[in-house]
C-alpha atoms as a PDB file:
ATOM      1  CA  MET A   1     -59.079 -18.256 -34.756  1.00  0.00           C
ATOM      2  CA  TYR A   2     -61.146 -15.267 -33.292  1.00  0.00           C
ATOM      3  CA  LEU A   3     -62.823 -16.448 -30.019  1.00  0.00           C
ATOM      4  CA  LEU A   4     -66.408 -14.687 -29.694  1.00  0.00           C
ATOM      5  CA  SER A   5     -67.546 -13.114 -26.579  1.00  0.00           C
ATOM      6  CA  LYS A   6     -71.019 -12.178 -25.795  1.00  0.00           C
ATOM      7  CA  ASP A   7     -70.901  -9.031 -27.520  1.00  0.00           C
ATOM      8  CA  LEU A   8     -72.706  -9.115 -30.983  1.00  0.00           C
ATOM      9  CA  ILE A   9     -69.661  -8.635 -33.164  1.00  0.00           C
ATOM     10  CA  PHE A  10     -67.704 -10.647 -35.712  1.00  0.00           C
ATOM     11  CA  PRO A  11     -63.891 -10.091 -36.743  1.00  0.00           C
ATOM     12  CA  PRO A  12     -63.362  -8.797 -40.431  1.00  0.00           C
ATOM     13  CA  VAL A  13     -63.987 -11.730 -42.908  1.00  0.00           C
ATOM     14  CA  HIS A  14     -60.448 -11.056 -44.457  1.00  0.00           C
ATOM     15  CA  LEU A  15     -58.949 -12.542 -41.181  1.00  0.00           C
ATOM     16  CA  ALA A  16     -60.302 -16.066 -42.045  1.00  0.00           C
ATOM     17  CA  ASN A  17     -57.867 -18.901 -42.905  1.00  0.00           C
ATOM     18  CA  GLU A  18     -57.531 -20.485 -46.272  1.00  0.00           C
ATOM     19  CA  ASP A  19     -60.394 -22.829 -45.274  1.00  0.00           C
ATOM     20  CA  GLY A  20     -62.625 -20.001 -44.594  1.00  0.00           C
ATOM     21  CA  LEU A  21     -62.633 -20.576 -40.674  1.00  0.00           C
ATOM     22  CA  LEU A  22     -63.023 -17.178 -39.250  1.00  0.00           C
ATOM     23  CA  ALA A  23     -64.030 -17.564 -35.417  1.00  0.00           C
ATOM     24  CA  ILE A  24     -65.415 -19.922 -32.832  1.00  0.00           C
ATOM     25  CA  GLY A  25     -67.981 -19.667 -29.888  1.00  0.00           C
ATOM     26  CA  GLY A  26     -70.737 -17.140 -29.537  1.00  0.00           C
ATOM     27  CA  ASP A  27     -74.314 -18.203 -29.826  1.00  0.00           C
ATOM     28  CA  LEU A  28     -77.218 -18.943 -32.366  1.00  0.00           C
ATOM     29  CA  SER A  29     -79.429 -16.183 -31.471  1.00  0.00           C
ATOM     30  CA  ALA A  30     -81.535 -14.646 -34.207  1.00  0.00           C
ATOM     31  CA  GLU A  31     -79.588 -11.536 -33.928  1.00  0.00           C
ATOM     32  CA  ARG A  32     -76.304 -12.886 -34.172  1.00  0.00           C
ATOM     33  CA  LEU A  33     -77.271 -15.238 -37.097  1.00  0.00           C
ATOM     34  CA  LEU A  34     -78.839 -12.325 -39.058  1.00  0.00           C
ATOM     35  CA  LEU A  35     -75.606 -10.483 -38.405  1.00  0.00           C
ATOM     36  CA  ALA A  36     -73.438 -13.302 -39.561  1.00  0.00           C
ATOM     37  CA  TYR A  37     -75.310 -13.726 -42.809  1.00  0.00           C
ATOM     38  CA  LYS A  38     -75.241 -10.052 -43.675  1.00  0.00           C
ATOM     39  CA  SER A  39     -71.692 -10.059 -43.164  1.00  0.00           C
ATOM     40  CA  GLY A  40     -70.948 -13.043 -45.460  1.00  0.00           C
ATOM     41  CA  ILE A  41     -70.509 -15.537 -42.441  1.00  0.00           C
ATOM     42  CA  PHE A  42     -72.190 -18.733 -41.659  1.00  0.00           C
ATOM     43  CA  PRO A  43     -72.017 -21.416 -38.758  1.00  0.00           C
ATOM     44  CA  TRP A  44     -70.881 -24.877 -39.879  1.00  0.00           C
ATOM     45  CA  TYR A  45     -69.977 -27.505 -37.022  1.00  0.00           C
ATOM     46  CA  ASN A  46     -70.933 -30.917 -35.846  1.00  0.00           C
ATOM     47  CA  GLN A  47     -72.980 -31.991 -32.893  1.00  0.00           C
ATOM     48  CA  GLY A  48     -70.739 -31.865 -29.710  1.00  0.00           C
ATOM     49  CA  GLU A  49     -68.324 -29.258 -31.057  1.00  0.00           C
ATOM     50  CA  PRO A  50     -68.282 -25.539 -30.309  1.00  0.00           C
ATOM     51  CA  ILE A  51     -69.884 -23.144 -32.733  1.00  0.00           C
ATOM     52  CA  ILE A  52     -67.707 -22.468 -35.609  1.00  0.00           C
ATOM     53  CA  TRP A  53     -68.061 -19.710 -38.092  1.00  0.00           C
ATOM     54  CA  TYR A  54     -67.015 -19.499 -41.795  1.00  0.00           C
ATOM     55  CA  SER A  55     -66.378 -17.170 -44.485  1.00  0.00           C
ATOM     56  CA  PRO A  56     -64.934 -18.935 -47.450  1.00  0.00           C
ATOM     57  CA  HIS A  57     -62.754 -17.420 -50.221  1.00  0.00           C
ATOM     58  CA  PRO A  58     -63.857 -17.861 -53.255  1.00  0.00           C
ATOM     59  CA  ARG A  59     -67.623 -17.980 -52.648  1.00  0.00           C
ATOM     60  CA  MET A  60     -69.963 -20.253 -54.592  1.00  0.00           C
ATOM     61  CA  VAL A  61     -72.865 -18.506 -55.980  1.00  0.00           C
ATOM     62  CA  LEU A  62     -75.558 -18.654 -58.646  1.00  0.00           C
ATOM     63  CA  PHE A  63     -76.589 -15.729 -60.465  1.00  0.00           C
ATOM     64  CA  PRO A  64     -80.455 -16.444 -61.691  1.00  0.00           C
ATOM     65  CA  LYS A  65     -79.800 -15.789 -65.323  1.00  0.00           C
ATOM     66  CA  ASP A  66     -77.027 -18.317 -65.281  1.00  0.00           C
ATOM     67  CA  LEU A  67     -79.347 -21.379 -64.076  1.00  0.00           C
ATOM     68  CA  LYS A  68     -78.713 -24.424 -66.455  1.00  0.00           C
ATOM     69  CA  ILE A  69     -81.563 -26.762 -66.852  1.00  0.00           C
ATOM     70  CA  SER A  70     -80.945 -29.936 -68.768  1.00  0.00           C
ATOM     71  CA  LYS A  71     -83.243 -31.442 -71.432  1.00  0.00           C
ATOM     72  CA  SER A  72     -84.220 -34.157 -68.978  1.00  0.00           C
ATOM     73  CA  MET A  73     -84.960 -31.927 -66.384  1.00  0.00           C
ATOM     74  CA  ARG A  74     -87.074 -29.766 -68.491  1.00  0.00           C
ATOM     75  CA  GLN A  75     -88.983 -32.813 -69.629  1.00  0.00           C
ATOM     76  CA  LEU A  76     -89.433 -33.797 -65.953  1.00  0.00           C
ATOM     77  CA  ILE A  77     -90.765 -30.461 -64.892  1.00  0.00           C
ATOM     78  CA  ARG A  78     -93.266 -30.589 -67.954  1.00  0.00           C
ATOM     79  CA  LYS A  79     -94.693 -33.924 -66.723  1.00  0.00           C
ATOM     80  CA  LYS A  80     -95.917 -32.124 -63.544  1.00  0.00           C
ATOM     81  CA  GLU A  81     -95.359 -35.192 -61.645  1.00  0.00           C
ATOM     82  CA  PHE A  82     -94.241 -32.987 -58.551  1.00  0.00           C
ATOM     83  CA  ARG A  83     -95.960 -30.216 -56.817  1.00  0.00           C
ATOM     84  CA  VAL A  84     -93.794 -27.443 -55.389  1.00  0.00           C
ATOM     85  CA  THR A  85     -94.662 -25.128 -52.596  1.00  0.00           C
ATOM     86  CA  PHE A  86     -93.105 -22.176 -50.466  1.00  0.00           C
ATOM     87  CA  ASN A  87     -92.924 -22.033 -46.780  1.00  0.00           C
ATOM     88  CA  GLN A  88     -95.675 -24.558 -46.332  1.00  0.00           C
ATOM     89  CA  ASN A  89     -93.669 -26.871 -43.883  1.00  0.00           C
ATOM     90  CA  PHE A  90     -90.207 -25.333 -43.013  1.00  0.00           C
ATOM     91  CA  GLU A  91     -89.787 -27.621 -39.861  1.00  0.00           C
ATOM     92  CA  ALA A  92     -90.264 -30.774 -41.960  1.00  0.00           C
ATOM     93  CA  VAL A  93     -87.840 -29.627 -44.530  1.00  0.00           C
ATOM     94  CA  ILE A  94     -85.039 -28.926 -42.014  1.00  0.00           C
ATOM     95  CA  SER A  95     -85.872 -32.237 -40.115  1.00  0.00           C
ATOM     96  CA  ASN A  96     -85.338 -34.137 -43.441  1.00  0.00           C
ATOM     97  CA  CYS A  97     -82.267 -32.303 -44.337  1.00  0.00           C
ATOM     98  CA  LYS A  98     -80.775 -33.039 -41.004  1.00  0.00           C
ATOM     99  CA  ASN A  99     -81.843 -36.731 -40.819  1.00  0.00           C
ATOM    100  CA  ILE A 100     -81.512 -38.077 -44.301  1.00  0.00           C
ATOM    101  CA  LYS A 101     -78.766 -40.250 -45.016  1.00  0.00           C
ATOM    102  CA  ARG A 102     -76.131 -38.931 -47.774  1.00  0.00           C
ATOM    103  CA  ASN A 103     -73.262 -40.837 -49.565  1.00  0.00           C
ATOM    104  CA  GLY A 104     -69.871 -40.295 -48.084  1.00  0.00           C
ATOM    105  CA  GLU A 105     -71.263 -38.746 -45.118  1.00  0.00           C
ATOM    106  CA  VAL A 106     -71.381 -39.674 -41.350  1.00  0.00           C
ATOM    107  CA  GLY A 107     -73.767 -38.064 -39.120  1.00  0.00           C
ATOM    108  CA  THR A 108     -75.033 -34.269 -39.860  1.00  0.00           C
ATOM    109  CA  TRP A 109     -73.692 -30.840 -39.370  1.00  0.00           C
ATOM    110  CA  ILE A 110     -77.376 -29.547 -38.651  1.00  0.00           C
ATOM    111  CA  THR A 111     -77.313 -29.774 -34.887  1.00  0.00           C
ATOM    112  CA  ASP A 112     -80.143 -29.905 -32.547  1.00  0.00           C
ATOM    113  CA  GLU A 113     -79.228 -26.478 -31.543  1.00  0.00           C
ATOM    114  CA  MET A 114     -79.084 -25.152 -35.356  1.00  0.00           C
ATOM    115  CA  GLN A 115     -82.499 -26.864 -36.088  1.00  0.00           C
ATOM    116  CA  GLU A 116     -84.097 -24.927 -33.194  1.00  0.00           C
ATOM    117  CA  ALA A 117     -82.342 -21.685 -34.144  1.00  0.00           C
ATOM    118  CA  TYR A 118     -83.473 -21.772 -37.633  1.00  0.00           C
ATOM    119  CA  ILE A 119     -87.037 -22.622 -36.816  1.00  0.00           C
ATOM    120  CA  LYS A 120     -87.039 -19.564 -34.781  1.00  0.00           C
ATOM    121  CA  LEU A 121     -85.665 -17.508 -37.827  1.00  0.00           C
ATOM    122  CA  HIS A 122     -88.526 -19.052 -39.956  1.00  0.00           C
ATOM    123  CA  LYS A 123     -91.105 -17.673 -37.481  1.00  0.00           C
ATOM    124  CA  LYS A 124     -89.622 -14.357 -37.846  1.00  0.00           C
ATOM    125  CA  GLY A 125     -89.804 -14.581 -41.637  1.00  0.00           C
ATOM    126  CA  ILE A 126     -86.160 -14.824 -42.227  1.00  0.00           C
ATOM    127  CA  ALA A 127     -85.500 -18.406 -42.966  1.00  0.00           C
ATOM    128  CA  LYS A 128     -87.591 -19.709 -45.934  1.00  0.00           C
ATOM    129  CA  SER A 129     -88.142 -23.114 -47.373  1.00  0.00           C
ATOM    130  CA  VAL A 130     -89.149 -24.731 -50.674  1.00  0.00           C
ATOM    131  CA  GLU A 131     -91.049 -28.193 -50.473  1.00  0.00           C
ATOM    132  CA  VAL A 132     -91.492 -30.770 -53.325  1.00  0.00           C
ATOM    133  CA  TRP A 133     -94.379 -33.153 -53.033  1.00  0.00           C
ATOM    134  CA  GLU A 134     -95.127 -36.452 -54.874  1.00  0.00           C
ATOM    135  CA  LYS A 135     -99.146 -36.463 -54.389  1.00  0.00           C
ATOM    136  CA  ASP A 136     -99.227 -35.883 -50.642  1.00  0.00           C
ATOM    137  CA  LYS A 137     -95.838 -37.021 -49.678  1.00  0.00           C
ATOM    138  CA  LEU A 138     -92.795 -34.660 -48.947  1.00  0.00           C
ATOM    139  CA  VAL A 139     -90.101 -35.908 -51.102  1.00  0.00           C
ATOM    140  CA  GLY A 140     -87.591 -33.146 -51.501  1.00  0.00           C
ATOM    141  CA  GLY A 141     -86.958 -29.543 -50.551  1.00  0.00           C
ATOM    142  CA  LEU A 142     -84.532 -26.904 -49.318  1.00  0.00           C
ATOM    143  CA  TYR A 143     -84.116 -23.976 -46.676  1.00  0.00           C
ATOM    144  CA  GLY A 144     -82.009 -20.955 -46.596  1.00  0.00           C
ATOM    145  CA  ILE A 145     -81.793 -17.321 -45.338  1.00  0.00           C
ATOM    146  CA  ASP A 146     -83.597 -14.610 -47.114  1.00  0.00           C
ATOM    147  CA  LEU A 147     -81.761 -11.174 -47.138  1.00  0.00           C
ATOM    148  CA  GLY A 148     -83.956  -9.473 -49.495  1.00  0.00           C
ATOM    149  CA  SER A 149     -81.844  -9.503 -52.566  1.00  0.00           C
ATOM    150  CA  VAL A 150     -79.646 -12.433 -51.811  1.00  0.00           C
ATOM    151  CA  PHE A 151     -80.897 -15.915 -50.705  1.00  0.00           C
ATOM    152  CA  CYS A 152     -78.249 -17.851 -48.668  1.00  0.00           C
ATOM    153  CA  GLY A 153     -78.930 -21.507 -49.344  1.00  0.00           C
ATOM    154  CA  GLU A 154     -78.162 -23.775 -46.364  1.00  0.00           C
ATOM    155  CA  SER A 155     -79.297 -27.315 -47.278  1.00  0.00           C
ATOM    156  CA  MET A 156     -81.475 -29.532 -49.406  1.00  0.00           C
ATOM    157  CA  PHE A 157     -82.814 -33.071 -49.538  1.00  0.00           C
ATOM    158  CA  SER A 158     -84.269 -35.844 -51.841  1.00  0.00           C
ATOM    159  CA  LYS A 159     -85.996 -39.024 -51.147  1.00  0.00           C
ATOM    160  CA  VAL A 160     -86.643 -39.501 -54.870  1.00  0.00           C
ATOM    161  CA  SER A 161     -84.588 -38.724 -57.884  1.00  0.00           C
ATOM    162  CA  ASN A 162     -84.207 -35.100 -58.799  1.00  0.00           C
ATOM    163  CA  ALA A 163     -86.560 -33.632 -56.153  1.00  0.00           C
ATOM    164  CA  SER A 164     -83.916 -31.316 -54.563  1.00  0.00           C
ATOM    165  CA  LYS A 165     -83.126 -29.809 -58.205  1.00  0.00           C
ATOM    166  CA  ILE A 166     -86.855 -29.311 -58.774  1.00  0.00           C
ATOM    167  CA  ALA A 167     -86.929 -27.253 -55.464  1.00  0.00           C
ATOM    168  CA  PHE A 168     -83.713 -25.319 -56.508  1.00  0.00           C
ATOM    169  CA  ILE A 169     -85.082 -24.592 -60.127  1.00  0.00           C
ATOM    170  CA  TYR A 170     -88.267 -23.421 -58.687  1.00  0.00           C
ATOM    171  CA  LEU A 171     -86.646 -21.165 -56.126  1.00  0.00           C
ATOM    172  CA  VAL A 172     -84.329 -19.714 -58.687  1.00  0.00           C
ATOM    173  CA  HIS A 173     -87.313 -18.837 -61.035  1.00  0.00           C
ATOM    174  CA  LYS A 174     -89.142 -17.047 -58.120  1.00  0.00           C
ATOM    175  CA  LEU A 175     -86.136 -15.059 -57.051  1.00  0.00           C
ATOM    176  CA  GLU A 176     -85.392 -14.113 -60.633  1.00  0.00           C
ATOM    177  CA  LYS A 177     -88.949 -12.782 -60.999  1.00  0.00           C
ATOM    178  CA  GLU A 178     -88.354 -10.781 -57.633  1.00  0.00           C
ATOM    179  CA  ASN A 179     -85.161  -9.291 -58.864  1.00  0.00           C
ATOM    180  CA  TYR A 180     -82.727 -11.104 -56.255  1.00  0.00           C
ATOM    181  CA  ASN A 181     -79.057 -10.666 -57.199  1.00  0.00           C
ATOM    182  CA  LEU A 182     -77.904 -14.123 -56.374  1.00  0.00           C
ATOM    183  CA  ILE A 183     -78.293 -17.354 -54.430  1.00  0.00           C
ATOM    184  CA  ASP A 184     -75.336 -17.852 -52.058  1.00  0.00           C
ATOM    185  CA  CYS A 185     -74.411 -21.608 -52.410  1.00  0.00           C
ATOM    186  CA  GLN A 186     -71.235 -21.136 -49.835  1.00  0.00           C
ATOM    187  CA  VAL A 187     -68.843 -23.650 -51.022  1.00  0.00           C
ATOM    188  CA  TYR A 188     -68.144 -25.582 -54.328  1.00  0.00           C
ATOM    189  CA  ASN A 189     -70.031 -28.741 -55.025  1.00  0.00           C
ATOM    190  CA  ASN A 190     -70.665 -30.703 -58.132  1.00  0.00           C
ATOM    191  CA  HIS A 191     -74.308 -30.662 -57.933  1.00  0.00           C
ATOM    192  CA  LEU A 192     -74.731 -27.018 -57.855  1.00  0.00           C
ATOM    193  CA  ALA A 193     -72.138 -26.502 -60.539  1.00  0.00           C
ATOM    194  CA  SER A 194     -74.386 -28.573 -62.790  1.00  0.00           C
ATOM    195  CA  LEU A 195     -77.123 -26.222 -62.467  1.00  0.00           C
ATOM    196  CA  GLY A 196     -74.889 -23.127 -63.162  1.00  0.00           C
ATOM    197  CA  ALA A 197     -73.360 -21.909 -59.776  1.00  0.00           C
ATOM    198  CA  ASN A 198     -69.889 -20.533 -59.934  1.00  0.00           C
ATOM    199  CA  GLU A 199     -67.131 -19.246 -57.546  1.00  0.00           C
ATOM    200  CA  ILE A 200     -66.490 -15.614 -57.112  1.00  0.00           C
ATOM    201  CA  PRO A 201     -64.042 -13.766 -54.882  1.00  0.00           C
ATOM    202  CA  ARG A 202     -65.274 -13.127 -51.427  1.00  0.00           C
ATOM    203  CA  TYR A 203     -64.960  -9.318 -51.856  1.00  0.00           C
ATOM    204  CA  GLU A 204     -67.255  -9.306 -54.729  1.00  0.00           C
ATOM    205  CA  PHE A 205     -69.779 -11.478 -52.791  1.00  0.00           C
ATOM    206  CA  LEU A 206     -69.642  -8.913 -49.911  1.00  0.00           C
ATOM    207  CA  LYS A 207     -70.576  -6.252 -52.460  1.00  0.00           C
ATOM    208  CA  TYR A 208     -73.738  -7.901 -53.345  1.00  0.00           C
ATOM    209  CA  LEU A 209     -74.644  -8.294 -49.654  1.00  0.00           C
ATOM    210  CA  LYS A 210     -74.419  -4.513 -49.242  1.00  0.00           C
END
């Protein structure tokens, strides 16, 4: 494991171990976070732990053209029971992602330090959010890092069934219209696989970042 210094530098990602763990330490400054994402690296650790940086292989991604929308989801979207906005309440979205209870999970990986750092990135126009509303109540959403041609998804939440899927689908449609290459989903999970995400080799992912 590579121990980071105060210098703004990361080791080559091919030095990550089989779990994707690459480095430890450093800080969550806007400059370091942006360098990390542009290099295919992201922080992932728990409260009370040092900052841990990952670059997994393979990488879970979604190409916008591969988005899968089930018949039931199409019907739900047509009902227009939800209203979707972009970047209208980033702080509420990340707070909900941090605090919502998830099945099989204890605590959260979104530490206080991370929450503060990503809010600063949002104010710089780098971190973006999607909000899903039921009438005037925020019931779902997601946030991530916008690199211009790649959107790096970080976390999502739902307070009602399918709200996070709605957020994701609207995001993909928006990014497809803007000719984004892909959405970075980081590591495999069944939820995103059901929406069309797949794993690709890390070296292929890095080509899209460049």
